């Protein structure tokens, strides 16, 4: 004669075994799912970059690295800003119609605020790093006689104005790219985002 089956105990054992199995599966799956996430290094490479511009004097250029790319932050003197419109006939794309920039930089200054330019230091010819020079002699007198200030790529001689717009007659086909950025305050800008991220509740 068989002992009577205790249904309550049976249900408890089934639930215990099921719960233990689920915990085991979750424990085994967690590291596997975590492995799909980008590494800390990958997150850092794509992370926005804070730039303190409090000490940036007119005519000065500071270099930062964002996503492994060189970015120049330029504080342009008022006289330089005032002369940007006069260069249009000498430029390939004066209105930046075919160049890379956010909508707020689609103007003669290629910036949110005329005084400040934030531009990638990557020549659009063969990806060399042009250097910035807001004063001094023309790096290419054959192309630009009266140097208004801007960027010069010594690899193949491409010349850009102080808005990163390329002059005619050089190898580079397009203006220097403008990365996304915003001003977090009067003395701090953030490169890598168009606006502050939404507040988390």
C-alpha atoms as a PDB file:
ATOM      1  CA  UNK A   1       0.000   0.000   0.000  1.00  0.00           C
ATOM      2  CA  UNK A   2       1.381   3.392  -1.091  1.00  0.00           C
ATOM      3  CA  UNK A   3       1.579   6.377   1.222  1.00  0.00           C
ATOM      4  CA  UNK A   4      -0.829   9.160   0.317  1.00  0.00           C
ATOM      5  CA  UNK A   5       0.713  11.963  -1.848  1.00  0.00           C
ATOM      6  CA  UNK A   6       1.048  15.283  -0.081  1.00  0.00           C
ATOM      7  CA  UNK A   7      -0.059  17.714  -2.840  1.00  0.00           C
ATOM      8  CA  UNK A   8       0.946  20.801  -0.851  1.00  0.00           C
ATOM      9  CA  UNK A   9       4.475  19.520  -0.372  1.00  0.00           C
ATOM     10  CA  UNK A  10       4.686  18.496  -4.025  1.00  0.00           C
ATOM     11  CA  UNK A  11       3.706  22.025  -5.190  1.00  0.00           C
ATOM     12  CA  UNK A  12       6.251  23.552  -2.809  1.00  0.00           C
ATOM     13  CA  UNK A  13       9.029  21.307  -4.132  1.00  0.00           C
ATOM     14  CA  UNK A  14       8.086  22.070  -7.773  1.00  0.00           C
ATOM     15  CA  UNK A  15       8.116  25.812  -7.079  1.00  0.00           C
ATOM     16  CA  UNK A  16      11.451  25.601  -5.258  1.00  0.00           C
ATOM     17  CA  UNK A  17      13.077  23.628  -8.060  1.00  0.00           C
ATOM     18  CA  UNK A  18      11.636  25.986 -10.721  1.00  0.00           C
ATOM     19  CA  UNK A  19      12.817  29.081  -8.832  1.00  0.00           C
ATOM     20  CA  UNK A  20      16.302  27.594  -8.360  1.00  0.00           C
ATOM     21  CA  UNK A  21      16.452  26.762 -12.086  1.00  0.00           C
ATOM     22  CA  UNK A  22      15.407  30.289 -13.071  1.00  0.00           C
ATOM     23  CA  UNK A  23      18.025  31.807 -10.769  1.00  0.00           C
ATOM     24  CA  UNK A  24      20.662  29.533 -12.305  1.00  0.00           C
ATOM     25  CA  UNK A  25      19.678  30.478 -15.871  1.00  0.00           C
ATOM     26  CA  UNK A  26      19.651  34.207 -15.000  1.00  0.00           C
ATOM     27  CA  UNK A  27      23.066  33.918 -13.302  1.00  0.00           C
ATOM     28  CA  UNK A  28      24.537  32.191 -16.342  1.00  0.00           C
ATOM     29  CA  UNK A  29      22.926  34.619 -18.819  1.00  0.00           C
ATOM     30  CA  UNK A  30      23.898  37.859 -17.019  1.00  0.00           C
ATOM     31  CA  UNK A  31      27.627  37.855 -17.977  1.00  0.00           C
ATOM     32  CA  UNK A  32      26.724  36.854 -21.514  1.00  0.00           C
ATOM     33  CA  UNK A  33      24.236  39.731 -21.906  1.00  0.00           C
ATOM     34  CA  UNK A  34      26.709  42.164 -20.267  1.00  0.00           C
ATOM     35  CA  UNK A  35      29.296  41.168 -22.885  1.00  0.00           C
ATOM     36  CA  UNK A  36      27.094  42.768 -25.570  1.00  0.00           C
ATOM     37  CA  UNK A  37      27.428  46.216 -23.987  1.00  0.00           C
ATOM     38  CA  UNK A  38      30.137  48.564 -25.278  1.00  0.00           C
ATOM     39  CA  UNK A  39      33.334  48.561 -23.218  1.00  0.00           C
ATOM     40  CA  UNK A  40      34.222  51.447 -20.906  1.00  0.00           C
ATOM     41  CA  UNK A  41      36.867  52.505 -23.445  1.00  0.00           C
ATOM     42  CA  UNK A  42      34.297  52.520 -26.281  1.00  0.00           C
ATOM     43  CA  UNK A  43      31.889  54.536 -24.144  1.00  0.00           C
ATOM     44  CA  UNK A  44      34.664  57.014 -23.309  1.00  0.00           C
ATOM     45  CA  UNK A  45      35.615  57.424 -26.971  1.00  0.00           C
ATOM     46  CA  UNK A  46      32.061  58.433 -27.815  1.00  0.00           C
ATOM     47  CA  UNK A  47      31.486  60.479 -24.675  1.00  0.00           C
ATOM     48  CA  UNK A  48      31.001  64.241 -24.882  1.00  0.00           C
ATOM     49  CA  UNK A  49      33.996  66.431 -24.025  1.00  0.00           C
ATOM     50  CA  UNK A  50      33.789  69.464 -21.702  1.00  0.00           C
ATOM     51  CA  UNK A  51      35.948  72.427 -22.703  1.00  0.00           C
ATOM     52  CA  UNK A  52      36.683  75.337 -20.364  1.00  0.00           C
ATOM     53  CA  UNK A  53      36.824  78.478 -22.531  1.00  0.00           C
ATOM     54  CA  UNK A  54      37.116  81.009 -19.702  1.00  0.00           C
ATOM     55  CA  UNK A  55      40.797  81.735 -20.457  1.00  0.00           C
ATOM     56  CA  UNK A  56      40.498  81.598 -24.272  1.00  0.00           C
ATOM     57  CA  UNK A  57      41.571  85.038 -25.526  1.00  0.00           C
ATOM     58  CA  UNK A  58      40.468  86.508 -28.888  1.00  0.00           C
ATOM     59  CA  UNK A  59      42.769  85.091 -31.582  1.00  0.00           C
ATOM     60  CA  UNK A  60      43.532  81.931 -29.584  1.00  0.00           C
ATOM     61  CA  UNK A  61      42.960  78.304 -30.601  1.00  0.00           C
ATOM     62  CA  UNK A  62      42.713  75.316 -28.257  1.00  0.00           C
ATOM     63  CA  UNK A  63      42.843  71.670 -29.407  1.00  0.00           C
ATOM     64  CA  UNK A  64      40.848  68.832 -27.859  1.00  0.00           C
ATOM     65  CA  UNK A  65      40.265  65.188 -28.792  1.00  0.00           C
ATOM     66  CA  UNK A  66      36.708  63.933 -29.271  1.00  0.00           C
ATOM     67  CA  UNK A  67      36.029  60.371 -30.506  1.00  0.00           C
ATOM     68  CA  UNK A  68      39.700  60.088 -31.427  1.00  0.00           C
ATOM     69  CA  UNK A  69      39.479  63.151 -33.680  1.00  0.00           C
ATOM     70  CA  UNK A  70      41.192  66.501 -33.328  1.00  0.00           C
ATOM     71  CA  UNK A  71      38.779  69.392 -32.700  1.00  0.00           C
ATOM     72  CA  UNK A  72      39.754  73.069 -32.645  1.00  0.00           C
ATOM     73  CA  UNK A  73      37.944  75.606 -30.485  1.00  0.00           C
ATOM     74  CA  UNK A  74      38.710  79.068 -31.833  1.00  0.00           C
ATOM     75  CA  UNK A  75      37.888  82.460 -30.354  1.00  0.00           C
ATOM     76  CA  UNK A  76      37.829  84.758 -33.363  1.00  0.00           C
ATOM     77  CA  UNK A  77      38.584  88.474 -33.004  1.00  0.00           C
ATOM     78  CA  UNK A  78      35.699  90.802 -33.948  1.00  0.00           C
ATOM     79  CA  UNK A  79      37.560  92.161 -37.016  1.00  0.00           C
ATOM     80  CA  UNK A  80      38.069  88.639 -38.342  1.00  0.00           C
ATOM     81  CA  UNK A  81      34.386  87.798 -37.875  1.00  0.00           C
ATOM     82  CA  UNK A  82      33.373  91.019 -39.657  1.00  0.00           C
ATOM     83  CA  UNK A  83      35.424  90.101 -42.738  1.00  0.00           C
ATOM     84  CA  UNK A  84      34.072  86.564 -43.231  1.00  0.00           C
ATOM     85  CA  UNK A  85      31.283  87.627 -45.611  1.00  0.00           C
ATOM     86  CA  UNK A  86      33.705  89.320 -48.034  1.00  0.00           C
ATOM     87  CA  UNK A  87      35.452  85.993 -48.772  1.00  0.00           C
ATOM     88  CA  UNK A  88      32.439  84.319 -50.437  1.00  0.00           C
ATOM     89  CA  UNK A  89      33.646  84.710 -54.072  1.00  0.00           C
ATOM     90  CA  UNK A  90      36.952  82.974 -53.223  1.00  0.00           C
ATOM     91  CA  UNK A  91      35.360  79.936 -51.541  1.00  0.00           C
ATOM     92  CA  UNK A  92      34.193  76.593 -52.947  1.00  0.00           C
ATOM     93  CA  UNK A  93      31.102  76.367 -50.714  1.00  0.00           C
ATOM     94  CA  UNK A  94      30.599  79.731 -48.951  1.00  0.00           C
ATOM     95  CA  UNK A  95      27.092  78.815 -47.718  1.00  0.00           C
ATOM     96  CA  UNK A  96      28.132  75.305 -46.563  1.00  0.00           C
ATOM     97  CA  UNK A  97      25.488  73.669 -48.725  1.00  0.00           C
ATOM     98  CA  UNK A  98      27.409  70.412 -49.229  1.00  0.00           C
ATOM     99  CA  UNK A  99      29.491  70.390 -46.059  1.00  0.00           C
ATOM    100  CA  UNK A 100      29.042  68.564 -42.758  1.00  0.00           C
ATOM    101  CA  UNK A 101      27.638  70.689 -39.957  1.00  0.00           C
ATOM    102  CA  UNK A 102      24.607  70.782 -37.655  1.00  0.00           C
ATOM    103  CA  UNK A 103      21.724  73.042 -38.768  1.00  0.00           C
ATOM    104  CA  UNK A 104      22.671  75.735 -36.233  1.00  0.00           C
ATOM    105  CA  UNK A 105      26.088  76.087 -37.918  1.00  0.00           C
ATOM    106  CA  UNK A 106      24.744  76.591 -41.439  1.00  0.00           C
ATOM    107  CA  UNK A 107      25.720  80.254 -41.650  1.00  0.00           C
ATOM    108  CA  UNK A 108      28.753  82.343 -42.678  1.00  0.00           C
ATOM    109  CA  UNK A 109      30.250  81.902 -39.189  1.00  0.00           C
ATOM    110  CA  UNK A 110      29.514  78.148 -39.131  1.00  0.00           C
ATOM    111  CA  UNK A 111      28.819  78.474 -35.429  1.00  0.00           C
ATOM    112  CA  UNK A 112      26.200  79.124 -32.770  1.00  0.00           C
ATOM    113  CA  UNK A 113      27.971  82.329 -31.674  1.00  0.00           C
ATOM    114  CA  UNK A 114      30.022  84.260 -34.281  1.00  0.00           C
ATOM    115  CA  UNK A 115      32.938  84.762 -31.872  1.00  0.00           C
ATOM    116  CA  UNK A 116      33.516  81.012 -31.316  1.00  0.00           C
ATOM    117  CA  UNK A 117      34.232  78.336 -33.910  1.00  0.00           C
ATOM    118  CA  UNK A 118      34.223  74.627 -33.048  1.00  0.00           C
ATOM    119  CA  UNK A 119      35.611  72.655 -36.009  1.00  0.00           C
ATOM    120  CA  UNK A 120      37.131  69.245 -36.663  1.00  0.00           C
ATOM    121  CA  UNK A 121      40.809  69.388 -37.571  1.00  0.00           C
ATOM    122  CA  UNK A 122      40.478  66.869 -40.395  1.00  0.00           C
ATOM    123  CA  UNK A 123      41.285  67.994 -43.935  1.00  0.00           C
ATOM    124  CA  UNK A 124      38.542  66.915 -46.337  1.00  0.00           C
ATOM    125  CA  UNK A 125      41.137  65.933 -48.941  1.00  0.00           C
ATOM    126  CA  UNK A 126      43.032  63.012 -47.364  1.00  0.00           C
ATOM    127  CA  UNK A 127      42.272  63.376 -43.635  1.00  0.00           C
ATOM    128  CA  UNK A 128      45.489  65.190 -42.623  1.00  0.00           C
ATOM    129  CA  UNK A 129      45.342  67.618 -39.674  1.00  0.00           C
ATOM    130  CA  UNK A 130      45.413  71.250 -40.842  1.00  0.00           C
ATOM    131  CA  UNK A 131      46.902  73.748 -38.413  1.00  0.00           C
ATOM    132  CA  UNK A 132      45.167  76.954 -37.418  1.00  0.00           C
ATOM    133  CA  UNK A 133      46.715  80.384 -37.947  1.00  0.00           C
ATOM    134  CA  UNK A 134      44.667  83.499 -37.329  1.00  0.00           C
ATOM    135  CA  UNK A 135      47.499  85.880 -38.179  1.00  0.00           C
ATOM    136  CA  UNK A 136      50.762  85.999 -40.085  1.00  0.00           C
ATOM    137  CA  UNK A 137      51.665  85.678 -43.773  1.00  0.00           C
ATOM    138  CA  UNK A 138      49.513  83.724 -46.208  1.00  0.00           C
ATOM    139  CA  UNK A 139      50.472  80.034 -46.261  1.00  0.00           C
ATOM    140  CA  UNK A 140      49.498  79.950 -49.965  1.00  0.00           C
ATOM    141  CA  UNK A 141      50.040  83.386 -51.590  1.00  0.00           C
ATOM    142  CA  UNK A 142      49.166  81.824 -54.951  1.00  0.00           C
ATOM    143  CA  UNK A 143      45.645  81.063 -53.613  1.00  0.00           C
ATOM    144  CA  UNK A 144      45.111  83.649 -50.850  1.00  0.00           C
ATOM    145  CA  UNK A 145      47.066  86.886 -51.222  1.00  0.00           C
ATOM    146  CA  UNK A 146      45.738  88.768 -48.194  1.00  0.00           C
ATOM    147  CA  UNK A 147      45.576  86.132 -45.433  1.00  0.00           C
ATOM    148  CA  UNK A 148      42.406  86.643 -43.376  1.00  0.00           C
ATOM    149  CA  UNK A 149      43.320  83.860 -40.943  1.00  0.00           C
ATOM    150  CA  UNK A 150      42.130  80.283 -40.993  1.00  0.00           C
ATOM    151  CA  UNK A 151      43.565  76.803 -41.452  1.00  0.00           C
ATOM    152  CA  UNK A 152      46.318  75.394 -43.652  1.00  0.00           C
ATOM    153  CA  UNK A 153      46.931  71.716 -44.444  1.00  0.00           C
ATOM    154  CA  UNK A 154      50.630  71.245 -45.137  1.00  0.00           C
ATOM    155  CA  UNK A 155      50.115  67.721 -46.551  1.00  0.00           C
ATOM    156  CA  UNK A 156      48.789  68.908 -49.928  1.00  0.00           C
ATOM    157  CA  UNK A 157      48.310  72.655 -49.523  1.00  0.00           C
ATOM    158  CA  UNK A 158      44.587  73.039 -48.862  1.00  0.00           C
ATOM    159  CA  UNK A 159      43.573  76.367 -47.298  1.00  0.00           C
ATOM    160  CA  UNK A 160      40.450  77.141 -45.249  1.00  0.00           C
ATOM    161  CA  UNK A 161      39.165  80.445 -43.900  1.00  0.00           C
ATOM    162  CA  UNK A 162      38.484  81.175 -40.211  1.00  0.00           C
ATOM    163  CA  UNK A 163      35.104  79.433 -40.537  1.00  0.00           C
ATOM    164  CA  UNK A 164      36.686  76.273 -41.916  1.00  0.00           C
ATOM    165  CA  UNK A 165      35.415  77.021 -45.459  1.00  0.00           C
ATOM    166  CA  UNK A 166      37.742  75.824 -48.219  1.00  0.00           C
ATOM    167  CA  UNK A 167      39.256  78.194 -50.778  1.00  0.00           C
ATOM    168  CA  UNK A 168      39.004  77.496 -54.519  1.00  0.00           C
ATOM    169  CA  UNK A 169      42.023  76.012 -56.293  1.00  0.00           C
ATOM    170  CA  UNK A 170      43.113  73.571 -53.575  1.00  0.00           C
ATOM    171  CA  UNK A 171      42.749  69.749 -53.385  1.00  0.00           C
ATOM    172  CA  UNK A 172      40.177  69.698 -50.537  1.00  0.00           C
ATOM    173  CA  UNK A 173      36.638  69.410 -51.952  1.00  0.00           C
ATOM    174  CA  UNK A 174      34.600  70.461 -48.904  1.00  0.00           C
ATOM    175  CA  UNK A 175      34.654  72.651 -45.818  1.00  0.00           C
ATOM    176  CA  UNK A 176      35.988  71.301 -42.530  1.00  0.00           C
ATOM    177  CA  UNK A 177      33.314  69.359 -40.592  1.00  0.00           C
ATOM    178  CA  UNK A 178      31.586  70.940 -37.593  1.00  0.00           C
ATOM    179  CA  UNK A 179      30.876  68.511 -34.712  1.00  0.00           C
ATOM    180  CA  UNK A 180      27.749  68.729 -32.557  1.00  0.00           C
ATOM    181  CA  UNK A 181      28.229  71.032 -29.560  1.00  0.00           C
ATOM    182  CA  UNK A 182      26.435  73.393 -27.208  1.00  0.00           C
ATOM    183  CA  UNK A 183      27.343  76.053 -24.656  1.00  0.00           C
ATOM    184  CA  UNK A 184      26.681  74.749 -21.144  1.00  0.00           C
ATOM    185  CA  UNK A 185      27.512  78.219 -19.749  1.00  0.00           C
ATOM    186  CA  UNK A 186      29.343  81.385 -20.786  1.00  0.00           C
ATOM    187  CA  UNK A 187      32.664  79.719 -19.965  1.00  0.00           C
ATOM    188  CA  UNK A 188      32.047  76.066 -20.805  1.00  0.00           C
ATOM    189  CA  UNK A 189      31.111  74.250 -23.977  1.00  0.00           C
ATOM    190  CA  UNK A 190      30.332  70.578 -24.540  1.00  0.00           C
ATOM    191  CA  UNK A 191      31.468  68.857 -27.742  1.00  0.00           C
ATOM    192  CA  UNK A 192      29.578  65.755 -28.828  1.00  0.00           C
ATOM    193  CA  UNK A 193      25.970  66.762 -28.103  1.00  0.00           C
ATOM    194  CA  UNK A 194      23.638  69.309 -29.724  1.00  0.00           C
ATOM    195  CA  UNK A 195      21.911  70.031 -26.417  1.00  0.00           C
ATOM    196  CA  UNK A 196      22.081  68.979 -22.751  1.00  0.00           C
ATOM    197  CA  UNK A 197      20.737  65.472 -22.138  1.00  0.00           C
ATOM    198  CA  UNK A 198      17.274  65.346 -20.550  1.00  0.00           C
ATOM    199  CA  UNK A 199      17.193  65.207 -16.767  1.00  0.00           C
ATOM    200  CA  UNK A 200      16.689  61.698 -15.373  1.00  0.00           C
ATOM    201  CA  UNK A 201      13.965  61.402 -12.770  1.00  0.00           C
END
